[in-house]
Amino acid sequence: MKTLIHAIGATAVLLGLAFASARPDVPDNLKAPESEDVILVGHAKGAQIYVCQESDQKWSWVLKAPEAELTDEAGKTIVHHSAGPSWKHIDGSEVTGKVAAKHDAPKADAIPWLLLSAASHSGQGIMTRVTSIQRIRTEGGLPPQASECTASANGRESKSTYSADYYFYARSGK
C-alpha cells in the first residue's frame, strides 16, 4: 500500500512538472523565443502601486511598483515581486526585467499582458538562468480613475489589487 501511495505521489509530481513546463497560449508578440523553455511558473496575488503626479501640466496616475507574492501549484510562496520590476526567488536568486512587448488583456478591467526580457541577475539559483518572463491571465491592477488625480492629490499613493500568472524562461538545454 505504501508503494502505491508513493507511486501516486510521484505521478502527481511528474504531472505537475509537465504542466509547469508547458508554454501558455499567448498572442504572437508575447511568445518567448523558441530557443527558451519554461523553467518556473507562479501565480501572483498582490497590488500595483500608483502615485498621483503632474507631468506636462497634466495630472495622472503613474505606476510606482508592483508588490506581489507568487505561489506554486501547491500554494507555497516561491517568489516576491517588487519594483524594478524584479522577482526574488526563495533560493535568494533574483532577476530584473525590461518590458519587450505589451498586449491588452482579454478582460477590460485588467492590466496588460507582458513579455519581459531579463535585464540583470543577482544571487545564485533558478532566477540567474531566466532570460524571458511573461505576465498573463491578469485580473485587476488598473490605476484609479484619472479624475481622482488632481493637484490636491499630488503624491498620493493608491494600491490596486491584481492577480496574474508569470512564466519564467531560460535558454533551452537542447
Protein backbone atom coordinates (compact mmCIF):
# COMPACT_ATOMS: atom_id res chain seq x y z
CA MET A 1 0.00 0.00 0.00
CA LYS A 2 2.85 2.38 0.88
CA THR A 3 4.41 1.74 -2.54
CA LEU A 4 1.11 2.58 -4.25
CA ILE A 5 0.83 5.86 -2.33
CA HIS A 6 4.43 6.78 -3.25
CA ALA A 7 3.74 5.90 -6.90
CA ILE A 8 0.61 8.08 -6.95
CA GLY A 9 2.55 10.94 -5.31
CA ALA A 10 5.40 10.60 -7.82
CA THR A 11 2.91 10.61 -10.70
CA ALA A 12 1.26 13.76 -9.34
CA VAL A 13 4.67 15.46 -9.11
CA LEU A 14 5.50 14.44 -12.68
CA LEU A 15 2.14 15.73 -13.92
CA GLY A 16 2.77 19.00 -12.09
CA LEU A 17 6.18 19.35 -13.72
CA ALA A 18 4.70 18.60 -17.12
CA PHE A 19 2.08 21.30 -16.55
CA ALA A 20 4.68 23.81 -15.37
CA SER A 21 6.87 23.28 -18.43
CA ALA A 22 4.08 23.76 -20.99
CA ARG A 23 4.12 27.02 -22.91
CA PRO A 24 0.94 29.05 -22.49
CA ASP A 25 -1.19 30.14 -25.44
CA VAL A 26 -0.41 33.84 -25.91
CA PRO A 27 -0.56 36.43 -28.72
CA ASP A 28 2.39 36.18 -31.15
CA ASN A 29 4.11 39.34 -29.86
CA LEU A 30 4.25 37.84 -26.34
CA LYS A 31 5.78 34.50 -27.28
CA ALA A 32 9.15 33.73 -25.72
CA PRO A 33 11.89 32.74 -28.17
CA GLU A 34 11.71 29.13 -29.38
CA SER A 35 15.25 28.62 -28.01
CA GLU A 36 13.89 29.02 -24.45
CA ASP A 37 11.97 26.64 -22.18
CA VAL A 38 9.64 27.31 -19.25
CA ILE A 39 11.57 26.69 -16.01
CA LEU A 40 9.17 28.17 -13.44
CA VAL A 41 5.52 29.19 -13.20
CA GLY A 42 3.98 31.26 -10.42
CA HIS A 43 0.55 32.71 -9.67
CA ALA A 44 0.75 36.25 -8.32
CA LYS A 45 -1.57 37.99 -5.92
CA GLY A 46 -0.81 41.50 -4.76
CA ALA A 47 -1.10 45.12 -5.80
CA GLN A 48 0.02 47.56 -8.44
CA ILE A 49 1.02 50.74 -6.61
CA TYR A 50 0.32 54.05 -8.36
CA VAL A 51 1.28 57.63 -7.47
CA CYS A 52 -0.63 60.75 -8.49
CA GLN A 53 1.73 63.23 -10.12
CA GLU A 54 1.90 66.02 -12.64
CA SER A 55 3.63 65.56 -15.98
CA ASP A 56 3.48 68.05 -18.88
CA GLN A 57 0.90 70.11 -16.96
CA LYS A 58 -1.38 67.07 -16.73
CA TRP A 59 -2.22 65.04 -13.62
CA SER A 60 -2.13 61.26 -13.91
CA TRP A 61 -1.56 58.02 -12.02
CA VAL A 62 1.94 56.66 -12.62
CA LEU A 63 2.99 53.12 -11.76
CA LYS A 64 5.39 53.19 -8.83
CA ALA A 65 5.87 49.44 -8.29
CA PRO A 66 4.22 46.07 -8.12
CA GLU A 67 4.07 44.29 -4.76
CA ALA A 68 3.05 40.64 -5.00
CA GLU A 69 3.75 37.12 -3.85
CA LEU A 70 3.93 34.30 -6.39
CA THR A 71 2.88 30.81 -5.39
CA ASP A 72 3.42 27.40 -6.96
CA GLU A 73 0.68 24.85 -7.78
CA ALA A 74 0.57 23.73 -4.14
CA GLY A 75 0.03 27.31 -2.93
CA LYS A 76 3.54 27.67 -1.47
CA THR A 77 5.07 31.17 -1.79
CA ILE A 78 8.11 30.87 -4.06
CA VAL A 79 8.80 34.39 -5.38
CA HIS A 80 8.46 38.00 -4.19
CA HIS A 81 7.73 40.52 -6.96
CA SER A 82 8.60 44.19 -6.45
CA ALA A 83 9.96 47.37 -8.05
CA GLY A 84 12.40 47.06 -10.88
CA PRO A 85 10.39 45.09 -11.89
CA SER A 86 12.16 42.30 -10.06
CA TRP A 87 11.39 38.80 -8.88
CA LYS A 88 13.26 37.27 -5.93
CA HIS A 89 13.02 33.50 -5.51
CA ILE A 90 13.08 31.82 -2.09
CA ASP A 91 16.52 30.43 -3.02
CA GLY A 92 17.85 34.04 -2.90
CA SER A 93 18.33 34.49 -6.63
CA GLU A 94 16.76 37.49 -8.36
CA VAL A 95 16.00 38.70 -11.87
CA THR A 96 15.09 42.21 -13.02
CA GLY A 97 13.15 42.57 -16.24
CA LYS A 98 12.61 45.09 -19.00
CA VAL A 99 9.37 45.23 -20.99
CA ALA A 100 9.85 43.85 -24.51
CA ALA A 101 6.17 43.70 -25.60
CA LYS A 102 2.66 44.51 -24.34
CA HIS A 103 -0.76 43.23 -25.27
CA ASP A 104 -4.15 44.36 -23.99
CA ALA A 105 -5.61 41.88 -21.52
CA PRO A 106 -8.68 39.97 -22.74
CA LYS A 107 -10.50 41.32 -19.65
CA ALA A 108 -11.31 45.02 -19.97
CA ASP A 109 -10.64 45.74 -16.29
CA ALA A 110 -7.15 44.19 -16.18
CA ILE A 111 -3.57 45.38 -16.64
CA PRO A 112 -1.89 44.40 -19.93
CA TRP A 113 -0.17 41.10 -20.59
CA LEU A 114 3.60 41.48 -20.95
CA LEU A 115 6.72 39.85 -22.32
CA LEU A 116 9.86 40.98 -20.48
CA SER A 117 13.50 40.23 -21.13
CA ALA A 118 15.95 39.73 -18.29
CA ALA A 119 17.97 42.90 -17.70
CA SER A 120 20.06 41.76 -14.72
CA HIS A 121 20.50 38.91 -12.25
CA SER A 122 21.81 38.54 -8.71
CA GLY A 123 22.42 35.72 -6.28
CA GLN A 124 22.75 32.07 -7.12
CA GLY A 125 19.77 29.94 -8.02
CA ILE A 126 16.97 29.48 -10.52
CA MET A 127 16.42 33.17 -11.34
CA THR A 128 20.00 33.57 -12.59
CA ARG A 129 19.02 31.39 -15.58
CA VAL A 130 15.92 33.42 -16.53
CA THR A 131 16.04 35.06 -19.96
CA SER A 132 12.36 35.93 -20.56
CA ILE A 133 9.26 36.46 -18.40
CA GLN A 134 5.59 36.50 -19.38
CA ARG A 135 2.81 38.12 -17.34
CA ILE A 136 -0.53 36.72 -18.48
CA ARG A 137 -4.06 35.93 -17.26
CA THR A 138 -4.20 39.27 -15.47
CA GLU A 139 -7.13 40.41 -13.36
CA GLY A 140 -7.47 43.90 -11.90
CA GLY A 141 -4.48 46.15 -11.22
CA LEU A 142 -5.60 49.20 -13.18
CA PRO A 143 -4.95 52.70 -11.76
CA PRO A 144 -7.76 54.66 -10.12
CA GLN A 145 -9.94 56.92 -12.25
CA ALA A 146 -7.99 59.83 -13.79
CA SER A 147 -10.45 62.26 -12.19
CA GLU A 148 -9.13 61.19 -8.75
CA CYS A 149 -5.66 62.53 -9.56
CA THR A 150 -5.63 66.31 -9.12
CA ALA A 151 -3.33 68.90 -7.59
CA SER A 152 -4.86 68.21 -4.18
CA ALA A 153 -3.93 64.52 -4.52
CA ASN A 154 -0.32 65.23 -5.57
CA GLY A 155 1.94 62.45 -4.28
CA ARG A 156 -0.92 60.29 -3.04
CA GLU A 157 -0.41 56.53 -3.49
CA SER A 158 -3.12 54.09 -4.43
CA LYS A 159 -2.92 50.29 -4.44
CA SER A 160 -4.94 48.32 -6.98
CA THR A 161 -5.21 44.62 -6.24
CA TYR A 162 -4.33 42.27 -9.07
CA SER A 163 -3.53 38.69 -9.91
CA ALA A 164 -1.58 37.22 -12.81
CA ASP A 165 0.36 34.18 -13.92
CA TYR A 166 4.09 34.56 -14.53
CA TYR A 167 6.09 32.21 -16.75
CA PHE A 168 9.87 32.27 -16.44
CA TYR A 169 12.00 31.02 -19.35
CA ALA A 170 15.66 30.04 -19.73
CA ARG A 171 17.77 29.04 -22.71
CA SER A 172 17.00 25.52 -23.78
CA GLY A 173 19.45 22.76 -22.95
CA LYS A 174 18.79 21.21 -26.38
